[in-house]
Full PDB file with SEQRES, HELIX, SHEET, SSBOND, CRYST1, ORIGX, SCALE, CONECT and MASTER records, all heavy atoms in Angstrom:
SEQRES   1 A   40  GLU LYS ALA ILE PRO VAL LEU GLU TYR ASP GLU PRO LEU          
SEQRES   2 A   40  LEU ILE ILE THR LEU GLY ASP TRP VAL ASP GLU GLU SER          
SEQRES   3 A   40  ASP ILE PRO GLY GLY GLY THR ARG GLN GLY TYR GLY TYR          
SEQRES   4 A   40  LYS                                                          
SHEET    1 AA1 2 VAL A  22  ILE A  28  0                                        
SHEET    2 AA1 2 GLY A  32  TYR A  37 -1                                        
CRYST1    1.000    1.000    1.000  90.00  90.00  90.00 P 1           1          
ORIGX1      1.000000  0.000000  0.000000        0.00000                         
ORIGX2      0.000000  1.000000  0.000000        0.00000                         
ORIGX3      0.000000  0.000000  1.000000        0.00000                         
SCALE1      1.000000  0.000000  0.000000        0.00000                         
SCALE2      0.000000  1.000000  0.000000        0.00000                         
SCALE3      0.000000  0.000000  1.000000        0.00000                         
ATOM      1  N   GLU A   1      30.169-120.323 -83.129  1.00  0.00           N  
ATOM      2  CA  GLU A   1      30.736-119.824 -84.381  1.00  0.00           C  
ATOM      3  C   GLU A   1      29.849-118.767 -85.016  1.00  0.00           C  
ATOM      4  O   GLU A   1      30.343-117.827 -85.629  1.00  0.00           O  
ATOM      5  CB  GLU A   1      30.982-120.977 -85.353  1.00  0.00           C  
ATOM      6  CG  GLU A   1      32.184-121.809 -84.962  1.00  0.00           C  
ATOM      7  CD  GLU A   1      32.391-123.033 -85.817  1.00  0.00           C  
ATOM      8  OE1 GLU A   1      31.549-123.318 -86.694  1.00  0.00           O  
ATOM      9  OE2 GLU A   1      33.404-123.723 -85.601  1.00  0.00           O  
ATOM     10  N   LYS A   2      28.545-118.891 -84.862  1.00  0.00           N  
ATOM     11  CA  LYS A   2      27.637-117.889 -85.426  1.00  0.00           C  
ATOM     12  C   LYS A   2      27.747-116.550 -84.707  1.00  0.00           C  
ATOM     13  O   LYS A   2      27.399-115.521 -85.248  1.00  0.00           O  
ATOM     14  CB  LYS A   2      26.207-118.411 -85.397  1.00  0.00           C  
ATOM     15  CG  LYS A   2      26.003-119.545 -86.391  1.00  0.00           C  
ATOM     16  CD  LYS A   2      24.628-120.118 -86.319  1.00  0.00           C  
ATOM     17  CE  LYS A   2      24.525-121.244 -87.340  1.00  0.00           C  
ATOM     18  NZ  LYS A   2      23.709-122.336 -86.928  1.00  0.00           N  
ATOM     19  N   ALA A   3      28.254-116.578 -83.473  1.00  0.00           N  
ATOM     20  CA  ALA A   3      28.411-115.347 -82.684  1.00  0.00           C  
ATOM     21  C   ALA A   3      29.768-114.676 -82.914  1.00  0.00           C  
ATOM     22  O   ALA A   3      29.991-113.562 -82.452  1.00  0.00           O  
ATOM     23  CB  ALA A   3      28.248-115.664 -81.199  1.00  0.00           C  
ATOM     24  N   ILE A   4      30.657-115.334 -83.638  1.00  0.00           N  
ATOM     25  CA  ILE A   4      31.991-114.785 -83.899  1.00  0.00           C  
ATOM     26  C   ILE A   4      31.860-113.576 -84.823  1.00  0.00           C  
ATOM     27  O   ILE A   4      31.101-113.604 -85.793  1.00  0.00           O  
ATOM     28  CB  ILE A   4      32.894-115.871 -84.527  1.00  0.00           C  
ATOM     29  CG1 ILE A   4      33.201-116.949 -83.483  1.00  0.00           C  
ATOM     30  CG2 ILE A   4      34.178-115.283 -85.082  1.00  0.00           C  
ATOM     31  CD1 ILE A   4      33.929-118.148 -84.030  1.00  0.00           C  
ATOM     32  N   PRO A   5      32.616-112.505 -84.553  1.00  0.00           N  
ATOM     33  CA  PRO A   5      32.538-111.316 -85.425  1.00  0.00           C  
ATOM     34  C   PRO A   5      32.987-111.617 -86.856  1.00  0.00           C  
ATOM     35  O   PRO A   5      33.825-112.479 -87.087  1.00  0.00           O  
ATOM     36  CB  PRO A   5      33.490-110.312 -84.773  1.00  0.00           C  
ATOM     37  CG  PRO A   5      34.011-110.926 -83.540  1.00  0.00           C  
ATOM     38  CD  PRO A   5      33.549-112.343 -83.462  1.00  0.00           C  
ATOM     39  N   VAL A   6      32.434-110.866 -87.788  1.00  0.00           N  
ATOM     40  CA  VAL A   6      32.763-111.008 -89.207  1.00  0.00           C  
ATOM     41  C   VAL A   6      34.135-110.394 -89.478  1.00  0.00           C  
ATOM     42  O   VAL A   6      34.495-109.367 -88.899  1.00  0.00           O  
ATOM     43  CB  VAL A   6      31.677-110.314 -90.067  1.00  0.00           C  
ATOM     44  CG1 VAL A   6      32.064-110.284 -91.534  1.00  0.00           C  
ATOM     45  CG2 VAL A   6      30.343-111.006 -89.892  1.00  0.00           C  
ATOM     46  N   LEU A   7      34.890-111.010 -90.368  1.00  0.00           N  
ATOM     47  CA  LEU A   7      36.198-110.488 -90.781  1.00  0.00           C  
ATOM     48  C   LEU A   7      36.005-109.141 -91.468  1.00  0.00           C  
ATOM     49  O   LEU A   7      35.213-109.018 -92.398  1.00  0.00           O  
ATOM     50  CB  LEU A   7      36.877-111.470 -91.737  1.00  0.00           C  
ATOM     51  CG  LEU A   7      38.235-111.050 -92.298  1.00  0.00           C  
ATOM     52  CD1 LEU A   7      39.275-110.918 -91.183  1.00  0.00           C  
ATOM     53  CD2 LEU A   7      38.711-112.052 -93.343  1.00  0.00           C  
ATOM     54  N   GLU A   8      36.730-108.131 -91.003  1.00  0.00           N  
ATOM     55  CA  GLU A   8      36.642-106.788 -91.575  1.00  0.00           C  
ATOM     56  C   GLU A   8      38.029-106.236 -91.873  1.00  0.00           C  
ATOM     57  O   GLU A   8      38.296-105.055 -91.705  1.00  0.00           O  
ATOM     58  CB  GLU A   8      35.893-105.860 -90.619  1.00  0.00           C  
ATOM     59  CG  GLU A   8      34.441-106.237 -90.455  1.00  0.00           C  
ATOM     60  CD  GLU A   8      33.669-105.287 -89.566  1.00  0.00           C  
ATOM     61  OE1 GLU A   8      34.249-104.288 -89.103  1.00  0.00           O  
ATOM     62  OE2 GLU A   8      32.479-105.557 -89.338  1.00  0.00           O  
ATOM     63  N   TYR A   9      38.909-107.076 -92.346  1.00  0.00           N  
ATOM     64  CA  TYR A   9      40.283-106.696 -92.673  1.00  0.00           C  
ATOM     65  C   TYR A   9      40.303-106.016 -94.032  1.00  0.00           C  
ATOM     66  O   TYR A   9      39.640-106.475 -94.963  1.00  0.00           O  
ATOM     67  CB  TYR A   9      41.149-107.962 -92.665  1.00  0.00           C  
ATOM     68  CG  TYR A   9      42.616-107.739 -92.844  1.00  0.00           C  
ATOM     69  CD1 TYR A   9      43.360-107.047 -91.904  1.00  0.00           C  
ATOM     70  CD2 TYR A   9      43.274-108.258 -93.956  1.00  0.00           C  
ATOM     71  CE1 TYR A   9      44.730-106.870 -92.058  1.00  0.00           C  
ATOM     72  CE2 TYR A   9      44.638-108.090 -94.111  1.00  0.00           C  
ATOM     73  CZ  TYR A   9      45.358-107.390 -93.166  1.00  0.00           C  
ATOM     74  OH  TYR A   9      46.714-107.219 -93.326  1.00  0.00           O  
ATOM     75  N   ASP A  10      41.050-104.922 -94.180  1.00  0.00           N  
ATOM     76  CA  ASP A  10      41.016-104.130 -95.413  1.00  0.00           C  
ATOM     77  C   ASP A  10      42.136-104.428 -96.407  1.00  0.00           C  
ATOM     78  O   ASP A  10      42.105-103.928 -97.530  1.00  0.00           O  
ATOM     79  CB  ASP A  10      41.083-102.630 -95.071  1.00  0.00           C  
ATOM     80  CG  ASP A  10      39.841-102.163 -94.341  1.00  0.00           C  
ATOM     81  OD1 ASP A  10      38.764-102.739 -94.576  1.00  0.00           O  
ATOM     82  OD2 ASP A  10      39.954-101.238 -93.524  1.00  0.00           O  
ATOM     83  N   GLU A  11      43.130-105.178 -96.021  1.00  0.00           N  
ATOM     84  CA  GLU A  11      44.285-105.431 -96.890  1.00  0.00           C  
ATOM     85  C   GLU A  11      44.105-106.746 -97.653  1.00  0.00           C  
ATOM     86  O   GLU A  11      43.331-107.610 -97.252  1.00  0.00           O  
ATOM     87  CB  GLU A  11      45.562-105.480 -96.043  1.00  0.00           C  
ATOM     88  CG  GLU A  11      45.855-104.186 -95.303  1.00  0.00           C  
ATOM     89  CD  GLU A  11      46.077-103.005 -96.235  1.00  0.00           C  
ATOM     90  OE1 GLU A  11      46.753-103.179 -97.268  1.00  0.00           O  
ATOM     91  OE2 GLU A  11      45.563-101.917 -95.934  1.00  0.00           O  
ATOM     92  N   PRO A  12      44.871-106.918 -98.752  1.00  0.00           N  
ATOM     93  CA  PRO A  12      44.785-108.172 -99.514  1.00  0.00           C  
ATOM     94  C   PRO A  12      45.205-109.370 -98.661  1.00  0.00           C  
ATOM     95  O   PRO A  12      46.142-109.281 -97.859  1.00  0.00           O  
ATOM     96  CB  PRO A  12      45.769-107.966-100.670  1.00  0.00           C  
ATOM     97  CG  PRO A  12      46.033-106.511-100.721  1.00  0.00           C  
ATOM     98  CD  PRO A  12      45.807-105.967 -99.353  1.00  0.00           C  
ATOM     99  N   LEU A  13      44.514-110.465 -98.863  1.00  0.00           N  
ATOM    100  CA  LEU A  13      44.726-111.661 -98.060  1.00  0.00           C  
ATOM    101  C   LEU A  13      44.332-112.871 -98.903  1.00  0.00           C  
ATOM    102  O   LEU A  13      43.386-112.808 -99.689  1.00  0.00           O  
ATOM    103  CB  LEU A  13      43.826-111.564 -96.825  1.00  0.00           C  
ATOM    104  CG  LEU A  13      43.899-112.582 -95.724  1.00  0.00           C  
ATOM    105  CD1 LEU A  13      45.251-112.517 -95.017  1.00  0.00           C  
ATOM    106  CD2 LEU A  13      42.792-112.301 -94.702  1.00  0.00           C  
ATOM    107  N   LEU A  14      45.062-113.948 -98.753  1.00  0.00           N  
ATOM    108  CA  LEU A  14      44.686-115.205 -99.380  1.00  0.00           C  
ATOM    109  C   LEU A  14      44.022-116.051 -98.299  1.00  0.00           C  
ATOM    110  O   LEU A  14      44.572-116.211 -97.209  1.00  0.00           O  
ATOM    111  CB  LEU A  14      45.930-115.917 -99.928  1.00  0.00           C  
ATOM    112  CG  LEU A  14      45.710-117.225-100.676  1.00  0.00           C  
ATOM    113  CD1 LEU A  14      44.871-117.012-101.930  1.00  0.00           C  
ATOM    114  CD2 LEU A  14      47.056-117.841-101.041  1.00  0.00           C  
ATOM    115  N   ILE A  15      42.829-116.542 -98.575  1.00  0.00           N  
ATOM    116  CA  ILE A  15      42.119-117.379 -97.610  1.00  0.00           C  
ATOM    117  C   ILE A  15      42.057-118.797 -98.171  1.00  0.00           C  
ATOM    118  O   ILE A  15      41.523-119.024 -99.255  1.00  0.00           O  
ATOM    119  CB  ILE A  15      40.705-116.843 -97.331  1.00  0.00           C  
ATOM    120  CG1 ILE A  15      40.804-115.448 -96.697  1.00  0.00           C  
ATOM    121  CG2 ILE A  15      39.950-117.816 -96.422  1.00  0.00           C  
ATOM    122  CD1 ILE A  15      39.482-114.779 -96.452  1.00  0.00           C  
ATOM    123  N   ILE A  16      42.634-119.727 -97.410  1.00  0.00           N  
ATOM    124  CA  ILE A  16      42.620-121.133 -97.799  1.00  0.00           C  
ATOM    125  C   ILE A  16      41.638-121.849 -96.878  1.00  0.00           C  
ATOM    126  O   ILE A  16      41.816-121.894 -95.663  1.00  0.00           O  
ATOM    127  CB  ILE A  16      44.022-121.772 -97.671  1.00  0.00           C  
ATOM    128  CG1 ILE A  16      45.039-121.067 -98.583  1.00  0.00           C  
ATOM    129  CG2 ILE A  16      43.950-123.270 -97.930  1.00  0.00           C  
ATOM    130  CD1 ILE A  16      44.804-121.258-100.068  1.00  0.00           C  
ATOM    131  N   THR A  17      40.594-122.393 -97.460  1.00  0.00           N  
ATOM    132  CA  THR A  17      39.590-123.129 -96.695  1.00  0.00           C  
ATOM    133  C   THR A  17      40.009-124.585 -96.609  1.00  0.00           C  
ATOM    134  O   THR A  17      40.204-125.246 -97.636  1.00  0.00           O  
ATOM    135  CB  THR A  17      38.209-122.998 -97.358  1.00  0.00           C  
ATOM    136  OG1 THR A  17      37.860-121.605 -97.387  1.00  0.00           O  
ATOM    137  CG2 THR A  17      37.161-123.782 -96.587  1.00  0.00           C  
ATOM    138  N   LEU A  18      40.164-125.060 -95.389  1.00  0.00           N  
ATOM    139  CA  LEU A  18      40.574-126.441 -95.155  1.00  0.00           C  
ATOM    140  C   LEU A  18      39.359-127.305 -94.865  1.00  0.00           C  
ATOM    141  O   LEU A  18      38.415-126.859 -94.203  1.00  0.00           O  
ATOM    142  CB  LEU A  18      41.542-126.502 -93.965  1.00  0.00           C  
ATOM    143  CG  LEU A  18      42.822-125.683 -94.107  1.00  0.00           C  
ATOM    144  CD1 LEU A  18      43.622-125.725 -92.807  1.00  0.00           C  
ATOM    145  CD2 LEU A  18      43.657-126.167 -95.272  1.00  0.00           C  
ATOM    146  N   GLY A  19      39.405-128.529 -95.347  1.00  0.00           N  
ATOM    147  CA  GLY A  19      38.364-129.501 -95.036  1.00  0.00           C  
ATOM    148  C   GLY A  19      38.765-130.310 -93.816  1.00  0.00           C  
ATOM    149  O   GLY A  19      39.727-129.975 -93.112  1.00  0.00           O  
ATOM    150  N   ASP A  20      38.048-131.383 -93.573  1.00  0.00           N  
ATOM    151  CA  ASP A  20      38.388-132.260 -92.462  1.00  0.00           C  
ATOM    152  C   ASP A  20      39.733-132.949 -92.727  1.00  0.00           C  
ATOM    153  O   ASP A  20      40.116-133.178 -93.873  1.00  0.00           O  
ATOM    154  CB  ASP A  20      37.292-133.312 -92.258  1.00  0.00           C  
ATOM    155  CG  ASP A  20      36.001-132.684 -91.753  1.00  0.00           C  
ATOM    156  OD1 ASP A  20      36.069-131.643 -91.067  1.00  0.00           O  
ATOM    157  OD2 ASP A  20      34.928-133.247 -92.039  1.00  0.00           O  
ATOM    158  N   TRP A  21      40.423-133.280 -91.661  1.00  0.00           N  
ATOM    159  CA  TRP A  21      41.767-133.846 -91.720  1.00  0.00           C  
ATOM    160  C   TRP A  21      41.794-135.170 -92.484  1.00  0.00           C  
ATOM    161  O   TRP A  21      40.911-136.015 -92.333  1.00  0.00           O  
ATOM    162  CB  TRP A  21      42.295-134.069 -90.307  1.00  0.00           C  
ATOM    163  CG  TRP A  21      43.704-134.566 -90.287  1.00  0.00           C  
ATOM    164  CD1 TRP A  21      44.119-135.860 -90.123  1.00  0.00           C  
ATOM    165  CD2 TRP A  21      44.891-133.795 -90.463  1.00  0.00           C  
ATOM    166  NE1 TRP A  21      45.490-135.928 -90.173  1.00  0.00           N  
ATOM    167  CE2 TRP A  21      45.989-134.672 -90.376  1.00  0.00           C  
ATOM    168  CE3 TRP A  21      45.129-132.435 -90.672  1.00  0.00           C  
ATOM    169  CZ2 TRP A  21      47.306-134.240 -90.502  1.00  0.00           C  
ATOM    170  CZ3 TRP A  21      46.436-132.012 -90.788  1.00  0.00           C  
ATOM    171  CH2 TRP A  21      47.509-132.896 -90.707  1.00  0.00           C  
ATOM    172  N   VAL A  22      42.846-135.342 -93.297  1.00  0.00           N  
ATOM    173  CA  VAL A  22      43.115-136.582 -94.016  1.00  0.00           C  
ATOM    174  C   VAL A  22      44.545-136.992 -93.684  1.00  0.00           C  
ATOM    175  O   VAL A  22      45.479-136.209 -93.882  1.00  0.00           O  
ATOM    176  CB  VAL A  22      42.974-136.382 -95.548  1.00  0.00           C  
ATOM    177  CG1 VAL A  22      43.387-137.627 -96.301  1.00  0.00           C  
ATOM    178  CG2 VAL A  22      41.559-135.955 -95.915  1.00  0.00           C  
ATOM    179  N   ASP A  23      44.716-138.203 -93.160  1.00  0.00           N  
ATOM    180  CA  ASP A  23      46.063-138.724 -92.887  1.00  0.00           C  
ATOM    181  C   ASP A  23      46.680-139.177 -94.200  1.00  0.00           C  
ATOM    182  O   ASP A  23      46.231-140.157 -94.794  1.00  0.00           O  
ATOM    183  CB  ASP A  23      46.003-139.921 -91.925  1.00  0.00           C  
ATOM    184  CG  ASP A  23      45.746-139.510 -90.497  1.00  0.00           C  
ATOM    185  OD1 ASP A  23      46.392-138.556 -90.029  1.00  0.00           O  
ATOM    186  OD2 ASP A  23      44.888-140.142 -89.850  1.00  0.00           O  
ATOM    187  N   GLU A  24      47.658-138.435 -94.667  1.00  0.00           N  
ATOM    188  CA  GLU A  24      48.347-138.792 -95.919  1.00  0.00           C  
ATOM    189  C   GLU A  24      49.673-138.045 -95.964  1.00  0.00           C  
ATOM    190  O   GLU A  24      49.692-136.822 -96.087  1.00  0.00           O  
ATOM    191  CB  GLU A  24      47.496-138.417 -97.126  1.00  0.00           C  
ATOM    192  CG  GLU A  24      48.137-138.784 -98.445  1.00  0.00           C  
ATOM    193  CD  GLU A  24      47.269-138.393 -99.622  1.00  0.00           C  
ATOM    194  OE1 GLU A  24      46.124-138.879 -99.697  1.00  0.00           O  
ATOM    195  OE2 GLU A  24      47.744-137.594-100.454  1.00  0.00           O  
ATOM    196  N   GLU A  25      50.752-138.766 -95.857  1.00  0.00           N  
ATOM    197  CA  GLU A  25      52.065-138.138 -95.881  1.00  0.00           C  
ATOM    198  C   GLU A  25      52.353-137.596 -97.282  1.00  0.00           C  
ATOM    199  O   GLU A  25      52.081-138.265 -98.280  1.00  0.00           O  
ATOM    200  CB  GLU A  25      53.131-139.164 -95.490  1.00  0.00           C  
ATOM    201  CG  GLU A  25      54.495-138.567 -95.295  1.00  0.00           C  
ATOM    202  CD  GLU A  25      55.496-139.562 -94.754  1.00  0.00           C  
ATOM    203  OE1 GLU A  25      55.329-140.003 -93.603  1.00  0.00           O  
ATOM    204  OE2 GLU A  25      56.428-139.900 -95.510  1.00  0.00           O  
ATOM    205  N   SER A  26      52.880-136.368 -97.337  1.00  0.00           N  
ATOM    206  CA  SER A  26      53.242-135.778 -98.631  1.00  0.00           C  
ATOM    207  C   SER A  26      54.316-134.714 -98.432  1.00  0.00           C  
ATOM    208  O   SER A  26      54.510-134.199 -97.327  1.00  0.00           O  
ATOM    209  CB  SER A  26      52.014-135.177 -99.324  1.00  0.00           C  
ATOM    210  OG  SER A  26      51.449-134.149 -98.545  1.00  0.00           O  
ATOM    211  N   ASP A  27      54.995-134.396 -99.512  1.00  0.00           N  
ATOM    212  CA  ASP A  27      56.041-133.380 -99.484  1.00  0.00           C  
ATOM    213  C   ASP A  27      55.414-131.997 -99.419  1.00  0.00           C  
ATOM    214  O   ASP A  27      54.300-131.778 -99.899  1.00  0.00           O  
ATOM    215  CB  ASP A  27      56.902-133.469-100.750  1.00  0.00           C  
ATOM    216  CG  ASP A  27      57.699-134.768-100.809  1.00  0.00           C  
ATOM    217  OD1 ASP A  27      57.969-135.350 -99.744  1.00  0.00           O  
ATOM    218  OD2 ASP A  27      58.036-135.196-101.934  1.00  0.00           O  
ATOM    219  N   ILE A  28      56.163-131.067 -98.831  1.00  0.00           N  
ATOM    220  CA  ILE A  28      55.755-129.663 -98.795  1.00  0.00           C  
ATOM    221  C   ILE A  28      56.920-128.810 -99.271  1.00  0.00           C  
ATOM    222  O   ILE A  28      58.065-129.276 -99.307  1.00  0.00           O  
ATOM    223  CB  ILE A  28      55.286-129.223 -97.383  1.00  0.00           C  
ATOM    224  CG1 ILE A  28      56.386-129.429 -96.345  1.00  0.00           C  
ATOM    225  CG2 ILE A  28      53.997-129.928 -97.001  1.00  0.00           C  
ATOM    226  CD1 ILE A  28      56.053-128.849 -94.978  1.00  0.00           C  
ATOM    227  N   PRO A  29      56.668-127.569 -99.661  1.00  0.00           N  
ATOM    228  CA  PRO A  29      57.751-126.696-100.124  1.00  0.00           C  
ATOM    229  C   PRO A  29      58.866-126.580 -99.082  1.00  0.00           C  
ATOM    230  O   PRO A  29      58.610-126.565 -97.876  1.00  0.00           O  
ATOM    231  CB  PRO A  29      57.052-125.346-100.325  1.00  0.00           C  
ATOM    232  CG  PRO A  29      55.643-125.712-100.638  1.00  0.00           C  
ATOM    233  CD  PRO A  29      55.365-126.911 -99.772  1.00  0.00           C  
ATOM    234  N   GLY A  30      60.094-126.525 -99.572  1.00  0.00           N  
ATOM    235  CA  GLY A  30      61.252-126.418 -98.701  1.00  0.00           C  
ATOM    236  C   GLY A  30      61.864-127.759 -98.347  1.00  0.00           C  
ATOM    237  O   GLY A  30      62.802-127.836 -97.569  1.00  0.00           O  
ATOM    238  N   GLY A  31      61.303-128.841 -98.897  1.00  0.00           N  
ATOM    239  CA  GLY A  31      61.883-130.159 -98.678  1.00  0.00           C  
ATOM    240  C   GLY A  31      61.342-130.915 -97.483  1.00  0.00           C  
ATOM    241  O   GLY A  31      61.828-131.989 -97.164  1.00  0.00           O  
ATOM    242  N   GLY A  32      60.341-130.378 -96.811  1.00  0.00           N  
ATOM    243  CA  GLY A  32      59.769-131.059 -95.657  1.00  0.00           C  
ATOM    244  C   GLY A  32      58.690-132.053 -96.047  1.00  0.00           C  
ATOM    245  O   GLY A  32      58.363-132.230 -97.227  1.00  0.00           O  
ATOM    246  N   THR A  33      58.139-132.694 -95.036  1.00  0.00           N  
ATOM    247  CA  THR A  33      57.056-133.657 -95.215  1.00  0.00           C  
ATOM    248  C   THR A  33      55.963-133.353 -94.196  1.00  0.00           C  
ATOM    249  O   THR A  33      56.253-133.061 -93.049  1.00  0.00           O  
ATOM    250  CB  THR A  33      57.570-135.094 -94.976  1.00  0.00           C  
ATOM    251  OG1 THR A  33      58.661-135.342 -95.864  1.00  0.00           O  
ATOM    252  CG2 THR A  33      56.487-136.120 -95.217  1.00  0.00           C  
ATOM    253  N   ARG A  34      54.723-133.422 -94.643  1.00  0.00           N  
ATOM    254  CA  ARG A  34      53.599-133.277 -93.719  1.00  0.00           C  
ATOM    255  C   ARG A  34      52.933-134.640 -93.563  1.00  0.00           C  
ATOM    256  O   ARG A  34      53.000-135.485 -94.448  1.00  0.00           O  
ATOM    257  CB  ARG A  34      52.612-132.220 -94.199  1.00  0.00           C  
ATOM    258  CG  ARG A  34      51.923-132.548 -95.518  1.00  0.00           C  
ATOM    259  CD  ARG A  34      51.013-131.421 -95.945  1.00  0.00           C  
ATOM    260  NE  ARG A  34      50.394-131.727 -97.235  1.00  0.00           N  
ATOM    261  CZ  ARG A  34      49.721-130.845 -97.952  1.00  0.00           C  
ATOM    262  NH1 ARG A  34      49.578-129.606 -97.515  1.00  0.00           N  
ATOM    263  NH2 ARG A  34      49.177-131.191 -99.103  1.00  0.00           N  
ATOM    264  N   GLN A  35      52.275-134.815 -92.419  1.00  0.00           N  
ATOM    265  CA  GLN A  35      51.659-136.097 -92.098  1.00  0.00           C  
ATOM    266  C   GLN A  35      50.208-136.188 -92.555  1.00  0.00           C  
ATOM    267  O   GLN A  35      49.575-137.234 -92.424  1.00  0.00           O  
ATOM    268  CB  GLN A  35      51.755-136.360 -90.598  1.00  0.00           C  
ATOM    269  CG  GLN A  35      53.191-136.422 -90.104  1.00  0.00           C  
ATOM    270  CD  GLN A  35      54.040-137.391 -90.913  1.00  0.00           C  
ATOM    271  OE1 GLN A  35      53.687-138.559 -91.065  1.00  0.00           O  
ATOM    272  NE2 GLN A  35      55.135-136.907 -91.462  1.00  0.00           N  
ATOM    273  N   GLY A  36      49.679-135.098 -93.063  1.00  0.00           N  
ATOM    274  CA  GLY A  36      48.305-135.073 -93.529  1.00  0.00           C  
ATOM    275  C   GLY A  36      47.941-133.664 -93.935  1.00  0.00           C  
ATOM    276  O   GLY A  36      48.793-132.767 -93.950  1.00  0.00           O  
ATOM    277  N   TYR A  37      46.678-133.461 -94.270  1.00  0.00           N  
ATOM    278  CA  TYR A  37      46.205-132.134 -94.646  1.00  0.00           C  
ATOM    279  C   TYR A  37      44.758-131.979 -94.210  1.00  0.00           C  
ATOM    280  O   TYR A  37      44.048-132.952 -93.996  1.00  0.00           O  
ATOM    281  CB  TYR A  37      46.372-131.878 -96.141  1.00  0.00           C  
ATOM    282  CG  TYR A  37      45.603-132.848 -97.017  1.00  0.00           C  
ATOM    283  CD1 TYR A  37      44.303-132.565 -97.406  1.00  0.00           C  
ATOM    284  CD2 TYR A  37      46.178-134.041 -97.437  1.00  0.00           C  
ATOM    285  CE1 TYR A  37      43.590-133.452 -98.195  1.00  0.00           C  
ATOM    286  CE2 TYR A  37      45.472-134.929 -98.224  1.00  0.00           C  
ATOM    287  CZ  TYR A  37      44.182-134.635 -98.602  1.00  0.00           C  
ATOM    288  OH  TYR A  37      43.473-135.508 -99.375  1.00  0.00           O  
ATOM    289  N   GLY A  38      44.346-130.732 -94.066  1.00  0.00           N  
ATOM    290  CA  GLY A  38      42.997-130.435 -93.605  1.00  0.00           C  
ATOM    291  C   GLY A  38      43.050-129.861 -92.199  1.00  0.00           C  
ATOM    292  O   GLY A  38      44.061-129.287 -91.783  1.00  0.00           O  
ATOM    293  N   TYR A  39      41.969-130.047 -91.458  1.00  0.00           N  
ATOM    294  CA  TYR A  39      41.842-129.452 -90.132  1.00  0.00           C  
ATOM    295  C   TYR A  39      41.252-130.485 -89.177  1.00  0.00           C  
ATOM    296  O   TYR A  39      40.255-131.128 -89.488  1.00  0.00           O  
ATOM    297  CB  TYR A  39      40.921-128.221 -90.212  1.00  0.00           C  
ATOM    298  CG  TYR A  39      41.042-127.291 -89.049  1.00  0.00           C  
ATOM    299  CD1 TYR A  39      42.005-126.298 -89.027  1.00  0.00           C  
ATOM    300  CD2 TYR A  39      40.196-127.403 -87.954  1.00  0.00           C  
ATOM    301  CE1 TYR A  39      42.125-125.434 -87.956  1.00  0.00           C  
ATOM    302  CE2 TYR A  39      40.300-126.546 -86.878  1.00  0.00           C  
ATOM    303  CZ  TYR A  39      41.271-125.562 -86.885  1.00  0.00           C  
ATOM    304  OH  TYR A  39      41.397-124.712 -85.818  1.00  0.00           O  
ATOM    305  N   LYS A  40      41.881-130.635 -88.022  1.00  0.00           N  
ATOM    306  CA  LYS A  40      41.414-131.589 -87.011  1.00  0.00           C  
ATOM    307  C   LYS A  40      40.417-130.900 -86.077  1.00  0.00           C  
ATOM    308  O   LYS A  40      40.643-129.776 -85.650  1.00  0.00           O  
ATOM    309  CB  LYS A  40      42.596-132.123 -86.196  1.00  0.00           C  
ATOM    310  CG  LYS A  40      43.561-132.949 -87.015  1.00  0.00           C  
ATOM    311  CD  LYS A  40      44.713-133.462 -86.157  1.00  0.00           C  
ATOM    312  CE  LYS A  40      45.684-134.280 -86.978  1.00  0.00           C  
ATOM    313  NZ  LYS A  40      46.816-134.757 -86.155  1.00  0.00           N  
TER     314      LYS A  40                                                      
MASTER        0    0    0    0    2    0    0    6  313    1    0    4          
END                                                                             
């Protein structure tokens, strides 16, 4: 990961930093359901 190139994108962007995965069912926009949140 330390060898990965740095982000050099010039346009506006939203960056969402995810933590470790949590198993927890919840609603999401559009009427769906997710089984958890974070990153595995």
